[in-house]
Amino acid sequence: TIIANQPAERNWRIRVDGHTDDQPIRSGRYSSNWELSSARASSVVEALIRNGIPRERIVAAGFADTQPAAPGTSNEARQQNRRIEVTVADF
């Protein structure tokens, strides 16, 4: 891939951020929205690694409901807030 083939002297990273809506999780699988958002980010990171992105170039972060993309409590707003954001940057 283009990202994986960057020159070694470039200090690039991929940051994968997981987010949730403001509803408390009601699942036996995850104990909190923090855990769910971290699991979302980790799943994407694992897929990127399987597809050739070097492990040392990836960071996963879970933000739960602390950084909403859409204000409000409507179903539409909550759907927008359940998301993954991927950022590629030089550090």
PDB file of N, CA and C in Angstrom:
ATOM      1  N   THR A   1       0.835  -1.191   0.000  1.00  0.00           N
ATOM      2  CA  THR A   1       0.000   0.000   0.000  1.00  0.00           C
ATOM      3  C   THR A   1       0.872   1.243   0.000  1.00  0.00           C
ATOM      4  N   ILE A   2       0.288   2.338  -0.360  1.00  0.00           N
ATOM      5  CA  ILE A   2       1.039   3.590  -0.391  1.00  0.00           C
ATOM      6  C   ILE A   2       1.527   3.961   1.003  1.00  0.00           C
ATOM      7  N   ILE A   3       0.679   3.808   1.998  1.00  0.00           N
ATOM      8  CA  ILE A   3       1.056   4.183   3.359  1.00  0.00           C
ATOM      9  C   ILE A   3       2.194   3.304   3.872  1.00  0.00           C
ATOM     10  N   ALA A   4       2.112   2.015   3.668  1.00  0.00           N
ATOM     11  CA  ALA A   4       3.120   1.094   4.191  1.00  0.00           C
ATOM     12  C   ALA A   4       4.463   1.272   3.513  1.00  0.00           C
ATOM     13  N   ASN A   5       4.503   1.846   2.317  1.00  0.00           N
ATOM     14  CA  ASN A   5       5.744   1.988   1.563  1.00  0.00           C
ATOM     15  C   ASN A   5       6.388   3.363   1.709  1.00  0.00           C
ATOM     16  N   GLN A   6       6.064   4.090   2.759  1.00  0.00           N
ATOM     17  CA  GLN A   6       6.676   5.405   2.994  1.00  0.00           C
ATOM     18  C   GLN A   6       8.146   5.225   3.366  1.00  0.00           C
ATOM     19  N   PRO A   7       8.985   6.201   3.025  1.00  0.00           N
ATOM     20  CA  PRO A   7      10.410   6.112   3.380  1.00  0.00           C
ATOM     21  C   PRO A   7      10.599   5.984   4.891  1.00  0.00           C
ATOM     22  N   ALA A   8      11.609   5.240   5.289  1.00  0.00           N
ATOM     23  CA  ALA A   8      11.861   4.984   6.711  1.00  0.00           C
ATOM     24  C   ALA A   8      12.155   6.265   7.480  1.00  0.00           C
ATOM     25  N   GLU A   9      12.736   7.271   6.827  1.00  0.00           N
ATOM     26  CA  GLU A   9      13.085   8.502   7.549  1.00  0.00           C
ATOM     27  C   GLU A   9      11.863   9.364   7.871  1.00  0.00           C
ATOM     28  N   ARG A  10      10.745   9.101   7.264  1.00  0.00           N
ATOM     29  CA  ARG A  10       9.520   9.834   7.615  1.00  0.00           C
ATOM     30  C   ARG A  10       8.930   9.225   8.872  1.00  0.00           C
ATOM     31  N   ASN A  11       8.575  10.060   9.808  1.00  0.00           N
ATOM     32  CA  ASN A  11       8.043   9.604  11.090  1.00  0.00           C
ATOM     33  C   ASN A  11       6.519   9.729  11.091  1.00  0.00           C
ATOM     34  N   TRP A  12       5.858   8.897  10.284  1.00  0.00           N
ATOM     35  CA  TRP A  12       4.405   8.957  10.167  1.00  0.00           C
ATOM     36  C   TRP A  12       3.739   7.951  11.087  1.00  0.00           C
ATOM     37  N   ARG A  13       2.503   8.277  11.447  1.00  0.00           N
ATOM     38  CA  ARG A  13       1.689   7.402  12.291  1.00  0.00           C
ATOM     39  C   ARG A  13       0.248   7.434  11.801  1.00  0.00           C
ATOM     40  N   ILE A  14      -0.447   6.356  12.062  1.00  0.00           N
ATOM     41  CA  ILE A  14      -1.887   6.289  11.845  1.00  0.00           C
ATOM     42  C   ILE A  14      -2.524   6.225  13.221  1.00  0.00           C
ATOM     43  N   ARG A  15      -3.439   7.141  13.489  1.00  0.00           N
ATOM     44  CA  ARG A  15      -4.164   7.115  14.755  1.00  0.00           C
ATOM     45  C   ARG A  15      -5.609   6.740  14.458  1.00  0.00           C
ATOM     46  N   VAL A  16      -6.086   5.710  15.139  1.00  0.00           N
ATOM     47  CA  VAL A  16      -7.452   5.232  14.976  1.00  0.00           C
ATOM     48  C   VAL A  16      -8.198   5.528  16.271  1.00  0.00           C
ATOM     49  N   ASP A  17      -9.215   6.385  16.178  1.00  0.00           N
ATOM     50  CA  ASP A  17     -10.004   6.789  17.334  1.00  0.00           C
ATOM     51  C   ASP A  17     -11.378   6.139  17.287  1.00  0.00           C
ATOM     52  N   GLY A  18     -11.753   5.492  18.376  1.00  0.00           N
ATOM     53  CA  GLY A  18     -13.085   4.907  18.492  1.00  0.00           C
ATOM     54  C   GLY A  18     -13.970   5.793  19.349  1.00  0.00           C
ATOM     55  N   HIS A  19     -15.237   5.916  18.952  1.00  0.00           N
ATOM     56  CA  HIS A  19     -16.191   6.769  19.654  1.00  0.00           C
ATOM     57  C   HIS A  19     -17.508   6.016  19.842  1.00  0.00           C
ATOM     58  N   THR A  20     -18.281   6.443  20.829  1.00  0.00           N
ATOM     59  CA  THR A  20     -19.614   5.891  21.062  1.00  0.00           C
ATOM     60  C   THR A  20     -20.609   7.028  21.184  1.00  0.00           C
ATOM     61  N   ASP A  21     -21.880   6.678  21.261  1.00  0.00           N
ATOM     62  CA  ASP A  21     -22.889   7.687  21.565  1.00  0.00           C
ATOM     63  C   ASP A  21     -22.979   7.859  23.078  1.00  0.00           C
ATOM     64  N   ASP A  22     -23.961   8.630  23.532  1.00  0.00           N
ATOM     65  CA  ASP A  22     -24.059   8.935  24.960  1.00  0.00           C
ATOM     66  C   ASP A  22     -24.913   7.948  25.747  1.00  0.00           C
ATOM     67  N   GLN A  23     -25.375   6.903  25.107  1.00  0.00           N
ATOM     68  CA  GLN A  23     -26.187   5.900  25.795  1.00  0.00           C
ATOM     69  C   GLN A  23     -25.278   4.901  26.520  1.00  0.00           C
ATOM     70  N   PRO A  24     -25.551   4.617  27.790  1.00  0.00           N
ATOM     71  CA  PRO A  24     -24.762   3.597  28.483  1.00  0.00           C
ATOM     72  C   PRO A  24     -24.885   2.254  27.753  1.00  0.00           C
ATOM     73  N   ILE A  25     -23.794   1.549  27.668  1.00  0.00           N
ATOM     74  CA  ILE A  25     -23.766   0.257  26.980  1.00  0.00           C
ATOM     75  C   ILE A  25     -24.618  -0.749  27.733  1.00  0.00           C
ATOM     76  N   ARG A  26     -25.361  -1.547  26.983  1.00  0.00           N
ATOM     77  CA  ARG A  26     -26.221  -2.570  27.584  1.00  0.00           C
ATOM     78  C   ARG A  26     -25.849  -3.941  27.021  1.00  0.00           C
ATOM     79  N   SER A  27     -24.599  -4.225  27.024  1.00  0.00           N
ATOM     80  CA  SER A  27     -24.100  -5.465  26.448  1.00  0.00           C
ATOM     81  C   SER A  27     -23.269  -6.201  27.485  1.00  0.00           C
ATOM     82  N   GLY A  28     -23.369  -7.513  27.478  1.00  0.00           N
ATOM     83  CA  GLY A  28     -22.523  -8.296  28.358  1.00  0.00           C
ATOM     84  C   GLY A  28     -21.088  -8.348  27.873  1.00  0.00           C
ATOM     85  N   ARG A  29     -20.876  -8.025  26.598  1.00  0.00           N
ATOM     86  CA  ARG A  29     -19.540  -8.117  26.014  1.00  0.00           C
ATOM     87  C   ARG A  29     -18.627  -6.973  26.457  1.00  0.00           C
ATOM     88  N   TYR A  30     -19.200  -5.774  26.596  1.00  0.00           N
ATOM     89  CA  TYR A  30     -18.412  -4.608  26.991  1.00  0.00           C
ATOM     90  C   TYR A  30     -18.993  -4.027  28.269  1.00  0.00           C
ATOM     91  N   SER A  31     -18.126  -3.679  29.195  1.00  0.00           N
ATOM     92  CA  SER A  31     -18.603  -3.186  30.487  1.00  0.00           C
ATOM     93  C   SER A  31     -18.888  -1.685  30.487  1.00  0.00           C
ATOM     94  N   SER A  32     -18.396  -0.967  29.485  1.00  0.00           N
ATOM     95  CA  SER A  32     -18.590   0.483  29.449  1.00  0.00           C
ATOM     96  C   SER A  32     -18.410   0.993  28.022  1.00  0.00           C
ATOM     97  N   ASN A  33     -18.806   2.235  27.799  1.00  0.00           N
ATOM     98  CA  ASN A  33     -18.578   2.856  26.495  1.00  0.00           C
ATOM     99  C   ASN A  33     -17.085   3.069  26.237  1.00  0.00           C
ATOM    100  N   TRP A  34     -16.311   3.224  27.302  1.00  0.00           N
ATOM    101  CA  TRP A  34     -14.855   3.314  27.135  1.00  0.00           C
ATOM    102  C   TRP A  34     -14.314   2.033  26.513  1.00  0.00           C
ATOM    103  N   GLU A  35     -14.754   0.919  27.055  1.00  0.00           N
ATOM    104  CA  GLU A  35     -14.291  -0.373  26.538  1.00  0.00           C
ATOM    105  C   GLU A  35     -14.761  -0.588  25.101  1.00  0.00           C
ATOM    106  N   LEU A  36     -16.008  -0.234  24.810  1.00  0.00           N
ATOM    107  CA  LEU A  36     -16.539  -0.388  23.454  1.00  0.00           C
ATOM    108  C   LEU A  36     -15.773   0.483  22.460  1.00  0.00           C
ATOM    109  N   SER A  37     -15.523   1.742  22.803  1.00  0.00           N
ATOM    110  CA  SER A  37     -14.814   2.620  21.872  1.00  0.00           C
ATOM    111  C   SER A  37     -13.380   2.140  21.634  1.00  0.00           C
ATOM    112  N   SER A  38     -12.750   1.628  22.664  1.00  0.00           N
ATOM    113  CA  SER A  38     -11.392   1.077  22.517  1.00  0.00           C
ATOM    114  C   SER A  38     -11.404  -0.178  21.656  1.00  0.00           C
ATOM    115  N   ALA A  39     -12.415  -1.015  21.822  1.00  0.00           N
ATOM    116  CA  ALA A  39     -12.537  -2.231  21.010  1.00  0.00           C
ATOM    117  C   ALA A  39     -12.764  -1.880  19.539  1.00  0.00           C
ATOM    118  N   ARG A  40     -13.557  -0.872  19.283  1.00  0.00           N
ATOM    119  CA  ARG A  40     -13.768  -0.429  17.894  1.00  0.00           C
ATOM    120  C   ARG A  40     -12.447  -0.013  17.266  1.00  0.00           C
ATOM    121  N   ALA A  41     -11.692   0.806  17.972  1.00  0.00           N
ATOM    122  CA  ALA A  41     -10.403   1.260  17.444  1.00  0.00           C
ATOM    123  C   ALA A  41      -9.447   0.085  17.259  1.00  0.00           C
ATOM    124  N   SER A  42      -9.403  -0.810  18.217  1.00  0.00           N
ATOM    125  CA  SER A  42      -8.499  -1.970  18.134  1.00  0.00           C
ATOM    126  C   SER A  42      -8.844  -2.875  16.962  1.00  0.00           C
ATOM    127  N   SER A  43     -10.124  -3.039  16.677  1.00  0.00           N
ATOM    128  CA  SER A  43     -10.538  -3.868  15.536  1.00  0.00           C
ATOM    129  C   SER A  43     -10.025  -3.297  14.219  1.00  0.00           C
ATOM    130  N   VAL A  44     -10.095  -1.987  14.081  1.00  0.00           N
ATOM    131  CA  VAL A  44      -9.590  -1.349  12.859  1.00  0.00           C
ATOM    132  C   VAL A  44      -8.076  -1.471  12.785  1.00  0.00           C
ATOM    133  N   VAL A  45      -7.397  -1.277  13.901  1.00  0.00           N
ATOM    134  CA  VAL A  45      -5.944  -1.412  13.938  1.00  0.00           C
ATOM    135  C   VAL A  45      -5.533  -2.822  13.519  1.00  0.00           C
ATOM    136  N   GLU A  46      -6.202  -3.828  14.045  1.00  0.00           N
ATOM    137  CA  GLU A  46      -5.873  -5.208  13.687  1.00  0.00           C
ATOM    138  C   GLU A  46      -6.093  -5.458  12.195  1.00  0.00           C
ATOM    139  N   ALA A  47      -7.137  -4.882  11.619  1.00  0.00           N
ATOM    140  CA  ALA A  47      -7.376  -5.034  10.177  1.00  0.00           C
ATOM    141  C   ALA A  47      -6.276  -4.345   9.374  1.00  0.00           C
ATOM    142  N   LEU A  48      -5.844  -3.174   9.807  1.00  0.00           N
ATOM    143  CA  LEU A  48      -4.765  -2.482   9.112  1.00  0.00           C
ATOM    144  C   LEU A  48      -3.467  -3.284   9.161  1.00  0.00           C
ATOM    145  N   ILE A  49      -3.172  -3.859  10.313  1.00  0.00           N
ATOM    146  CA  ILE A  49      -1.960  -4.685  10.446  1.00  0.00           C
ATOM    147  C   ILE A  49      -2.048  -5.907   9.536  1.00  0.00           C
ATOM    148  N   ARG A  50      -3.198  -6.562   9.496  1.00  0.00           N
ATOM    149  CA  ARG A  50      -3.379  -7.717   8.600  1.00  0.00           C
ATOM    150  C   ARG A  50      -3.176  -7.325   7.137  1.00  0.00           C
ATOM    151  N   ASN A  51      -3.410  -6.063   6.837  1.00  0.00           N
ATOM    152  CA  ASN A  51      -3.273  -5.590   5.460  1.00  0.00           C
ATOM    153  C   ASN A  51      -1.958  -4.883   5.196  1.00  0.00           C
ATOM    154  N   GLY A  52      -0.979  -5.098   6.061  1.00  0.00           N
ATOM    155  CA  GLY A  52       0.378  -4.677   5.762  1.00  0.00           C
ATOM    156  C   GLY A  52       0.884  -3.401   6.397  1.00  0.00           C
ATOM    157  N   ILE A  53       0.091  -2.747   7.228  1.00  0.00           N
ATOM    158  CA  ILE A  53       0.575  -1.541   7.895  1.00  0.00           C
ATOM    159  C   ILE A  53       1.464  -1.972   9.066  1.00  0.00           C
ATOM    160  N   PRO A  54       2.670  -1.426   9.191  1.00  0.00           N
ATOM    161  CA  PRO A  54       3.559  -1.814  10.289  1.00  0.00           C
ATOM    162  C   PRO A  54       2.962  -1.475  11.664  1.00  0.00           C
ATOM    163  N   ARG A  55       3.048  -2.410  12.569  1.00  0.00           N
ATOM    164  CA  ARG A  55       2.482  -2.251  13.923  1.00  0.00           C
ATOM    165  C   ARG A  55       3.006  -1.024  14.648  1.00  0.00           C
ATOM    166  N   GLU A  56       4.281  -0.721  14.456  1.00  0.00           N
ATOM    167  CA  GLU A  56       4.879   0.398  15.181  1.00  0.00           C
ATOM    168  C   GLU A  56       4.411   1.752  14.648  1.00  0.00           C
ATOM    169  N   ARG A  57       3.627   1.747  13.591  1.00  0.00           N
ATOM    170  CA  ARG A  57       3.128   2.989  12.995  1.00  0.00           C
ATOM    171  C   ARG A  57       1.680   3.293  13.361  1.00  0.00           C
ATOM    172  N   ILE A  58       1.057   2.474  14.212  1.00  0.00           N
ATOM    173  CA  ILE A  58      -0.373   2.610  14.481  1.00  0.00           C
ATOM    174  C   ILE A  58      -0.621   2.850  15.964  1.00  0.00           C
ATOM    175  N   VAL A  59      -1.574   3.728  16.240  1.00  0.00           N
ATOM    176  CA  VAL A  59      -2.007   4.020  17.604  1.00  0.00           C
ATOM    177  C   VAL A  59      -3.522   3.870  17.650  1.00  0.00           C
ATOM    178  N   ALA A  60      -4.042   3.176  18.658  1.00  0.00           N
ATOM    179  CA  ALA A  60      -5.485   3.057  18.866  1.00  0.00           C
ATOM    180  C   ALA A  60      -5.869   3.828  20.116  1.00  0.00           C
ATOM    181  N   ALA A  61      -6.997   4.532  20.040  1.00  0.00           N
ATOM    182  CA  ALA A  61      -7.481   5.298  21.194  1.00  0.00           C
ATOM    183  C   ALA A  61      -8.994   5.195  21.281  1.00  0.00           C
ATOM    184  N   GLY A  62      -9.503   5.063  22.492  1.00  0.00           N
ATOM    185  CA  GLY A  62     -10.945   5.047  22.728  1.00  0.00           C
ATOM    186  C   GLY A  62     -11.361   6.304  23.463  1.00  0.00           C
ATOM    187  N   PHE A  63     -12.408   6.954  22.987  1.00  0.00           N
ATOM    188  CA  PHE A  63     -12.867   8.208  23.572  1.00  0.00           C
ATOM    189  C   PHE A  63     -14.275   8.131  24.150  1.00  0.00           C
ATOM    190  N   ALA A  64     -14.912   6.970  24.093  1.00  0.00           N
ATOM    191  CA  ALA A  64     -16.284   6.814  24.577  1.00  0.00           C
ATOM    192  C   ALA A  64     -17.159   7.908  23.972  1.00  0.00           C
ATOM    193  N   ASP A  65     -17.922   8.611  24.801  1.00  0.00           N
ATOM    194  CA  ASP A  65     -18.832   9.653  24.300  1.00  0.00           C
ATOM    195  C   ASP A  65     -18.304  11.062  24.559  1.00  0.00           C
ATOM    196  N   THR A  66     -16.996  11.210  24.789  1.00  0.00           N
ATOM    197  CA  THR A  66     -16.447  12.496  25.200  1.00  0.00           C
ATOM    198  C   THR A  66     -16.224  13.480  24.059  1.00  0.00           C
ATOM    199  N   GLN A  67     -16.276  13.020  22.798  1.00  0.00           N
ATOM    200  CA  GLN A  67     -16.030  13.903  21.662  1.00  0.00           C
ATOM    201  C   GLN A  67     -17.106  13.694  20.596  1.00  0.00           C
ATOM    202  N   PRO A  68     -18.335  14.100  20.880  1.00  0.00           N
ATOM    203  CA  PRO A  68     -19.409  13.867  19.913  1.00  0.00           C
ATOM    204  C   PRO A  68     -19.183  14.618  18.603  1.00  0.00           C
ATOM    205  N   ALA A  69     -19.521  13.984  17.503  1.00  0.00           N
ATOM    206  CA  ALA A  69     -19.448  14.624  16.191  1.00  0.00           C
ATOM    207  C   ALA A  69     -20.713  15.417  15.912  1.00  0.00           C
ATOM    208  N   ALA A  70     -21.819  14.976  16.494  1.00  0.00           N
ATOM    209  CA  ALA A  70     -23.109  15.624  16.285  1.00  0.00           C
ATOM    210  C   ALA A  70     -23.734  15.931  17.637  1.00  0.00           C
ATOM    211  N   PRO A  71     -24.229  17.149  17.823  1.00  0.00           N
ATOM    212  CA  PRO A  71     -24.887  17.487  19.086  1.00  0.00           C
ATOM    213  C   PRO A  71     -26.278  16.878  19.156  1.00  0.00           C
ATOM    214  N   GLY A  72     -26.757  16.707  20.358  1.00  0.00           N
ATOM    215  CA  GLY A  72     -28.133  16.263  20.530  1.00  0.00           C
ATOM    216  C   GLY A  72     -28.256  14.806  20.905  1.00  0.00           C
ATOM    217  N   THR A  73     -29.507  14.403  21.110  1.00  0.00           N
ATOM    218  CA  THR A  73     -29.793  13.035  21.547  1.00  0.00           C
ATOM    219  C   THR A  73     -30.732  12.318  20.586  1.00  0.00           C
ATOM    220  N   SER A  74     -30.899  12.851  19.389  1.00  0.00           N
ATOM    221  CA  SER A  74     -31.739  12.176  18.397  1.00  0.00           C
ATOM    222  C   SER A  74     -31.048  10.903  17.919  1.00  0.00           C
ATOM    223  N   ASN A  75     -31.814  10.010  17.321  1.00  0.00           N
ATOM    224  CA  ASN A  75     -31.224   8.784  16.769  1.00  0.00           C
ATOM    225  C   ASN A  75     -30.162   9.112  15.726  1.00  0.00           C
ATOM    226  N   GLU A  76     -30.413  10.135  14.908  1.00  0.00           N
ATOM    227  CA  GLU A  76     -29.462  10.520  13.869  1.00  0.00           C
ATOM    228  C   GLU A  76     -28.148  11.009  14.483  1.00  0.00           C
ATOM    229  N   ALA A  77     -28.250  11.840  15.517  1.00  0.00           N
ATOM    230  CA  ALA A  77     -27.037  12.333  16.182  1.00  0.00           C
ATOM    231  C   ALA A  77     -26.278  11.181  16.815  1.00  0.00           C
ATOM    232  N   ARG A  78     -26.977  10.300  17.480  1.00  0.00           N
ATOM    233  CA  ARG A  78     -26.302   9.162  18.117  1.00  0.00           C
ATOM    234  C   ARG A  78     -25.640   8.255  17.086  1.00  0.00           C
ATOM    235  N   GLN A  79     -26.265   8.060  15.944  1.00  0.00           N
ATOM    236  CA  GLN A  79     -25.647   7.247  14.889  1.00  0.00           C
ATOM    237  C   GLN A  79     -24.347   7.884  14.404  1.00  0.00           C
ATOM    238  N   GLN A  80     -24.333   9.201  14.251  1.00  0.00           N
ATOM    239  CA  GLN A  80     -23.117   9.887  13.807  1.00  0.00           C
ATOM    240  C   GLN A  80     -22.008   9.806  14.855  1.00  0.00           C
ATOM    241  N   ASN A  81     -22.392   9.746  16.112  1.00  0.00           N
ATOM    242  CA  ASN A  81     -21.395   9.705  17.180  1.00  0.00           C
ATOM    243  C   ASN A  81     -20.783   8.326  17.382  1.00  0.00           C
ATOM    244  N   ARG A  82     -21.429   7.285  16.897  1.00  0.00           N
ATOM    245  CA  ARG A  82     -20.860   5.930  16.941  1.00  0.00           C
ATOM    246  C   ARG A  82     -19.990   5.785  15.699  1.00  0.00           C
ATOM    247  N   ARG A  83     -18.692   6.005  15.868  1.00  0.00           N
ATOM    248  CA  ARG A  83     -17.838   6.089  14.690  1.00  0.00           C
ATOM    249  C   ARG A  83     -16.385   5.755  15.003  1.00  0.00           C
ATOM    250  N   ILE A  84     -15.636   5.626  13.919  1.00  0.00           N
ATOM    251  CA  ILE A  84     -14.177   5.503  13.940  1.00  0.00           C
ATOM    252  C   ILE A  84     -13.626   6.668  13.134  1.00  0.00           C
ATOM    253  N   GLU A  85     -12.583   7.280  13.628  1.00  0.00           N
ATOM    254  CA  GLU A  85     -11.869   8.314  12.880  1.00  0.00           C
ATOM    255  C   GLU A  85     -10.431   7.841  12.690  1.00  0.00           C
ATOM    256  N   VAL A  86      -9.926   7.994  11.478  1.00  0.00           N
ATOM    257  CA  VAL A  86      -8.561   7.580  11.158  1.00  0.00           C
ATOM    258  C   VAL A  86      -7.800   8.816  10.688  1.00  0.00           C
ATOM    259  N   THR A  87      -6.653   9.058  11.321  1.00  0.00           N
ATOM    260  CA  THR A  87      -5.806  10.182  10.978  1.00  0.00           C
ATOM    261  C   THR A  87      -4.418   9.671  10.625  1.00  0.00           C
ATOM    262  N   VAL A  88      -3.882  10.152   9.514  1.00  0.00           N
ATOM    263  CA  VAL A  88      -2.512   9.827   9.124  1.00  0.00           C
ATOM    264  C   VAL A  88      -1.727  11.135   9.160  1.00  0.00           C
ATOM    265  N   ALA A  89      -0.628  11.131   9.923  1.00  0.00           N
ATOM    266  CA  ALA A  89       0.139  12.372  10.061  1.00  0.00           C
ATOM    267  C   ALA A  89       1.604  12.086  10.299  1.00  0.00           C
ATOM    268  N   ASP A  90       2.435  13.045   9.942  1.00  0.00           N
ATOM    269  CA  ASP A  90       3.858  13.017  10.294  1.00  0.00           C
ATOM    270  C   ASP A  90       3.998  13.572  11.699  1.00  0.00           C
ATOM    271  N   PHE A  91       4.898  12.977  12.474  1.00  0.00           N
ATOM    272  CA  PHE A  91       5.149  13.451  13.828  1.00  0.00           C
ATOM    273  C   PHE A  91       6.578  13.890  13.974  1.00  0.00           C
TER     274      PHE A  91
END
